[in-house]
């Protein structure tokens, strides 16, 4: 599966890889794909930095002033019991025991209150971090979708030719996009065919017995796009442009005018 075509799945797998929950063969396969895809490597690094930031930014929490104030109030509340004179015998020992138990209970309650306040702050902090991570993940997923859409809209270049005149001056750049079945011709010189003439593009034959095949007539624009198919170019070793009467020669007939530009047709790696 090509993860670059599934941005949401790629984002989840990169997060699992950065967190360490992606293991075994799945982890090795992801590493192999990441070595060949800069987008996957960048996604994994973003998640690693994000998880690392969660621990680096964690601050040390101490009980607030309100917690210490509650503990102090509890201790003040126990002081009148300490001022009562101790009685002798069993009654005195029982009173001491209950007095100590009450003080210990108050301190435990105060400590539990402090812990509850501290844990409440921790939970809120974690919830805030999780919300930020969700927002960041959503933003990254949307960016990946936009990037994938842009990449799909960009042309692929399978064939290229530089057409020159008889003085070897580059005048026309020709590229073929098989994804959109489009030939793009960009003028690079100042050649002017005039109002009564037209330039016509031809695919030259690979054998002496073959005939040139017309690929279309050019208008006067600096950039011209012509519809074409890969089969029309697959067997052509070179392209040529002839100067014809306005509108070009009829369909099915060969070139009638002189060749003004010519060049080899090369397939890109």
Protein backbone atom coordinates (compact mmCIF):
# COMPACT_ATOMS: atom_id res chain seq x y z
CA UNK A 1 0.00 0.00 0.00
CA UNK A 2 1.23 3.51 -0.84
CA UNK A 3 0.79 5.49 2.38
CA UNK A 4 1.28 8.78 0.53
CA UNK A 5 -2.15 8.17 -1.03
CA UNK A 6 -3.73 7.65 2.43
CA UNK A 7 -2.65 10.69 4.51
CA UNK A 8 -4.85 9.95 7.54
CA UNK A 9 -3.60 6.36 7.81
CA UNK A 10 -0.01 7.54 7.31
CA UNK A 11 -0.45 10.09 10.11
CA UNK A 12 -1.79 7.45 12.54
CA UNK A 13 1.00 4.99 11.72
CA UNK A 14 3.65 7.73 12.10
CA UNK A 15 2.20 8.60 15.53
CA UNK A 16 2.29 4.94 16.60
CA UNK A 17 5.89 4.66 15.38
CA UNK A 18 6.94 7.76 17.33
CA UNK A 19 5.14 6.54 20.47
CA UNK A 20 6.73 3.09 20.21
CA UNK A 21 3.51 1.08 19.91
CA UNK A 22 4.28 0.11 16.30
CA UNK A 23 6.42 -3.02 16.64
CA UNK A 24 7.79 -6.01 14.82
CA UNK A 25 7.35 -6.36 11.08
CA UNK A 26 5.01 -3.36 10.86
CA UNK A 27 7.67 -1.09 12.35
CA UNK A 28 10.33 -2.42 9.97
CA UNK A 29 8.03 -1.95 6.98
CA UNK A 30 7.31 1.63 8.03
CA UNK A 31 11.04 2.37 8.35
CA UNK A 32 11.63 0.97 4.87
CA UNK A 33 8.89 3.16 3.38
CA UNK A 34 10.08 6.21 5.35
CA UNK A 35 13.58 5.89 3.86
CA UNK A 36 12.00 6.26 0.43
CA UNK A 37 9.44 8.95 1.31
CA UNK A 38 10.48 12.35 2.74
CA UNK A 39 6.83 13.02 3.66
CA UNK A 40 6.64 9.91 5.89
CA UNK A 41 9.97 10.75 7.55
CA UNK A 42 8.80 14.29 8.26
CA UNK A 43 5.51 13.00 9.69
CA UNK A 44 7.29 10.62 12.08
CA UNK A 45 9.72 13.37 13.21
CA UNK A 46 6.81 15.75 13.90
CA UNK A 47 5.17 13.17 16.16
CA UNK A 48 8.46 12.41 17.94
CA UNK A 49 8.97 16.12 18.65
CA UNK A 50 5.37 16.41 19.82
CA UNK A 51 5.62 13.52 22.30
CA UNK A 52 9.01 14.75 23.55
CA UNK A 53 7.55 18.19 24.21
CA UNK A 54 4.91 16.69 26.53
CA UNK A 55 7.60 15.60 29.03
CA UNK A 56 9.88 18.60 28.59
CA UNK A 57 7.10 21.09 29.29
CA UNK A 58 5.72 19.22 32.34
CA UNK A 59 6.27 21.52 35.30
CA UNK A 60 6.74 20.45 38.94
CA UNK A 61 3.47 20.83 40.84
CA UNK A 62 3.41 21.83 44.52
CA UNK A 63 0.33 22.31 46.73
CA UNK A 64 -1.04 25.83 46.50
CA UNK A 65 -1.45 28.36 49.31
CA UNK A 66 -5.08 27.34 49.84
CA UNK A 67 -4.01 23.79 50.68
CA UNK A 68 -1.54 24.95 53.32
CA UNK A 69 -4.16 27.33 54.71
CA UNK A 70 -6.67 24.47 55.15
CA UNK A 71 -4.04 22.36 56.94
CA UNK A 72 -3.26 25.28 59.25
CA UNK A 73 -6.98 25.78 60.03
CA UNK A 74 -7.33 22.09 60.87
CA UNK A 75 -4.38 22.29 63.26
CA UNK A 76 -5.79 25.45 64.91
CA UNK A 77 -9.07 23.64 65.39
CA UNK A 78 -7.32 20.85 67.33
CA UNK A 79 -5.42 23.15 69.72
CA UNK A 80 -8.28 23.57 72.32
CA UNK A 81 -8.25 19.85 72.86
CA UNK A 82 -4.55 20.01 73.66
CA UNK A 83 -5.21 22.63 76.35
CA UNK A 84 -7.53 20.37 78.40
CA UNK A 85 -5.69 18.92 81.45
CA UNK A 86 -5.00 15.24 81.13
CA UNK A 87 -6.92 13.00 83.49
CA UNK A 88 -5.37 10.13 85.36
CA UNK A 89 -6.07 6.48 84.72
CA UNK A 90 -8.10 4.87 82.02
CA UNK A 91 -10.17 7.94 81.24
CA UNK A 92 -7.05 10.03 80.68
CA UNK A 93 -5.46 7.47 78.38
CA UNK A 94 -8.67 7.12 76.35
CA UNK A 95 -8.93 10.88 76.01
CA UNK A 96 -5.34 11.06 74.80
CA UNK A 97 -6.00 8.30 72.28
CA UNK A 98 -9.09 10.03 70.87
CA UNK A 99 -7.33 13.36 70.84
CA UNK A 100 -4.44 11.89 68.80
CA UNK A 101 -6.84 10.08 66.49
CA UNK A 102 -8.79 13.28 65.85
CA UNK A 103 -5.59 15.19 65.09
CA UNK A 104 -4.36 12.43 62.77
CA UNK A 105 -7.75 12.29 61.06
CA UNK A 106 -7.67 16.02 60.48
CA UNK A 107 -4.19 15.88 59.00
CA UNK A 108 -5.16 12.96 56.75
CA UNK A 109 -8.25 14.85 55.55
CA UNK A 110 -6.17 17.94 54.83
CA UNK A 111 -3.57 15.89 53.00
CA UNK A 112 -6.25 14.14 50.94
CA UNK A 113 -7.73 17.50 50.05
CA UNK A 114 -4.33 18.71 48.89
CA UNK A 115 -3.81 15.57 46.80
CA UNK A 116 -7.29 15.98 45.27
CA UNK A 117 -6.53 19.59 44.31
CA UNK A 118 -3.18 18.55 42.83
CA UNK A 119 -4.68 15.64 40.85
CA UNK A 120 -7.50 17.87 39.62
CA UNK A 121 -4.91 20.28 38.20
CA UNK A 122 -3.03 17.36 36.61
CA UNK A 123 -6.19 16.08 34.92
CA UNK A 124 -7.04 19.51 33.54
CA UNK A 125 -3.46 19.93 32.26
CA UNK A 126 -3.57 16.52 30.55
CA UNK A 127 -6.96 17.27 29.00
CA UNK A 128 -5.62 20.56 27.66
CA UNK A 129 -2.56 18.84 26.16
CA UNK A 130 -4.72 16.12 24.56
CA UNK A 131 -7.01 18.79 23.06
CA UNK A 132 -3.98 20.61 21.64
CA UNK A 133 -2.66 17.37 20.17
CA UNK A 134 -6.04 16.63 18.59
CA UNK A 135 -6.15 20.10 17.06
CA UNK A 136 -2.59 19.74 15.76
CA UNK A 137 -3.36 16.30 14.34
CA UNK A 138 -6.46 17.63 12.58
CA UNK A 139 -4.48 20.53 11.12
CA UNK A 140 -1.72 18.20 9.90
CA UNK A 141 -4.26 15.83 8.36
CA UNK A 142 -5.86 18.72 6.49
CA UNK A 143 -2.44 19.89 5.29
CA UNK A 144 -1.63 16.36 4.10
CA UNK A 145 -4.91 16.19 2.20
CA UNK A 146 -4.25 19.55 0.54
CA UNK A 147 -0.70 18.50 -0.33
CA UNK A 148 -1.88 15.20 -1.80
CA UNK A 149 -4.49 17.07 -3.85
CA UNK A 150 -1.86 19.50 -5.12
CA UNK A 151 0.49 16.66 -6.02
CA UNK A 152 -2.27 14.86 -7.90
CA UNK A 153 -2.96 18.02 -9.89
CA UNK A 154 0.67 18.50 -10.87
CA UNK A 155 1.69 17.10 -14.25
CA UNK A 156 3.99 14.15 -14.73
CA UNK A 157 6.71 14.40 -17.36
CA UNK A 158 7.32 11.17 -19.29
CA UNK A 159 8.71 12.50 -22.58
CA UNK A 160 10.69 15.65 -23.35
CA UNK A 161 12.11 17.15 -26.54
CA UNK A 162 14.04 20.35 -27.30
CA UNK A 163 13.30 21.43 -30.87
CA UNK A 164 15.91 23.57 -32.65
CA UNK A 165 16.19 25.33 -36.00
CA UNK A 166 18.88 24.69 -38.60
CA UNK A 167 21.29 26.86 -36.59
CA UNK A 168 20.87 24.63 -33.50
CA UNK A 169 19.16 27.43 -31.59
CA UNK A 170 16.68 26.03 -29.08
CA UNK A 171 13.27 27.41 -29.99
CA UNK A 172 10.65 25.04 -28.57
CA UNK A 173 10.44 22.86 -25.43
CA UNK A 174 7.99 19.96 -25.67
CA UNK A 175 6.87 17.83 -22.69
CA UNK A 176 4.28 15.05 -22.44
CA UNK A 177 2.13 14.38 -19.36
CA UNK A 178 0.68 10.82 -19.51
CA UNK A 179 -1.55 11.39 -16.50
CA UNK A 180 -3.48 14.12 -18.31
CA UNK A 181 -2.65 13.01 -21.90
CA UNK A 182 -1.30 16.46 -22.69
CA UNK A 183 1.55 17.77 -24.84
CA UNK A 184 2.84 21.16 -23.67
CA UNK A 185 4.90 23.31 -26.06
CA UNK A 186 6.73 26.39 -24.78
CA UNK A 187 8.26 28.82 -27.24
CA UNK A 188 11.77 29.93 -26.47
CA UNK A 189 12.62 32.06 -29.48
CA UNK A 190 11.23 34.96 -31.47
CA UNK A 191 10.00 32.99 -34.49
CA UNK A 192 6.85 34.49 -36.05
CA UNK A 193 4.92 32.38 -38.53
CA UNK A 194 2.79 35.36 -39.66
CA UNK A 195 -0.99 35.66 -39.99
CA UNK A 196 -1.26 33.47 -43.08
CA UNK A 197 0.81 30.55 -41.81
CA UNK A 198 0.55 27.98 -39.01
CA UNK A 199 3.04 25.73 -37.26
CA UNK A 200 2.18 22.03 -37.17
CA UNK A 201 3.74 19.40 -34.87
CA UNK A 202 4.66 15.96 -36.21
CA UNK A 203 5.81 12.65 -34.70
CA UNK A 204 8.49 11.30 -37.04
CA UNK A 205 8.48 7.58 -37.94
CA UNK A 206 11.02 5.12 -36.59
CA UNK A 207 11.56 3.48 -40.00
CA UNK A 208 12.21 4.98 -43.46
CA UNK A 209 9.01 3.42 -44.77
CA UNK A 210 6.83 5.07 -42.11
CA UNK A 211 5.01 8.38 -42.44
CA UNK A 212 4.98 11.36 -40.07
CA UNK A 213 1.92 11.60 -37.86
CA UNK A 214 0.34 14.97 -37.08
CA UNK A 215 0.02 15.80 -33.38
CA UNK A 216 -1.74 19.14 -33.82
CA UNK A 217 -1.58 22.71 -35.06
CA UNK A 218 -0.05 25.43 -32.88
CA UNK A 219 -1.59 28.84 -32.31
CA UNK A 220 0.46 31.94 -31.64
CA UNK A 221 0.46 31.61 -27.83
CA UNK A 222 3.77 31.33 -25.92
CA UNK A 223 2.50 28.09 -24.32
CA UNK A 224 0.36 25.64 -26.28
CA UNK A 225 -1.31 22.47 -24.95
CA UNK A 226 -2.32 19.66 -27.32
CA UNK A 227 -4.23 16.47 -26.56
CA UNK A 228 -2.09 13.37 -27.21
CA UNK A 229 -1.76 9.74 -26.17
CA UNK A 230 1.28 7.80 -25.09
CA UNK A 231 0.92 5.37 -28.01
CA UNK A 232 1.38 8.26 -30.45
CA UNK A 233 4.79 9.05 -28.96
CA UNK A 234 6.01 5.61 -27.90
CA UNK A 235 7.48 4.68 -31.29
CA UNK A 236 8.52 8.20 -32.35
CA UNK A 237 12.30 8.84 -32.15
CA UNK A 238 11.95 12.57 -32.85
CA UNK A 239 9.48 15.44 -33.28
CA UNK A 240 9.38 18.09 -36.00
CA UNK A 241 7.46 21.30 -36.67
CA UNK A 242 6.63 22.41 -40.20
CA UNK A 243 5.41 25.74 -41.54
CA UNK A 244 2.07 25.17 -43.23
CA UNK A 245 -0.81 27.17 -44.62
CA UNK A 246 -3.10 28.69 -42.02
CA UNK A 247 -4.89 25.91 -40.13
CA UNK A 248 -2.37 23.22 -41.10
CA UNK A 249 -2.65 20.37 -43.58
CA UNK A 250 -5.79 18.20 -43.65
CA UNK A 251 -6.07 15.14 -41.40
CA UNK A 252 -4.43 12.06 -42.89
CA UNK A 253 -2.04 13.86 -45.24
CA UNK A 254 1.65 14.40 -44.66
CA UNK A 255 3.52 17.67 -44.17
CA UNK A 256 3.54 20.06 -47.14
CA UNK A 257 5.72 22.90 -45.84
CA UNK A 258 9.35 23.06 -44.78
CA UNK A 259 10.67 21.76 -41.46
CA UNK A 260 11.54 24.74 -39.27
CA UNK A 261 12.25 22.96 -35.95
CA UNK A 262 13.32 19.42 -35.10
CA UNK A 263 14.64 17.47 -32.11
CA UNK A 264 14.96 14.02 -30.52
CA UNK A 265 12.15 12.77 -28.26
CA UNK A 266 13.58 11.42 -25.00
CA UNK A 267 11.86 9.39 -22.30
CA UNK A 268 12.48 10.58 -18.74
CA UNK A 269 13.80 8.11 -16.16
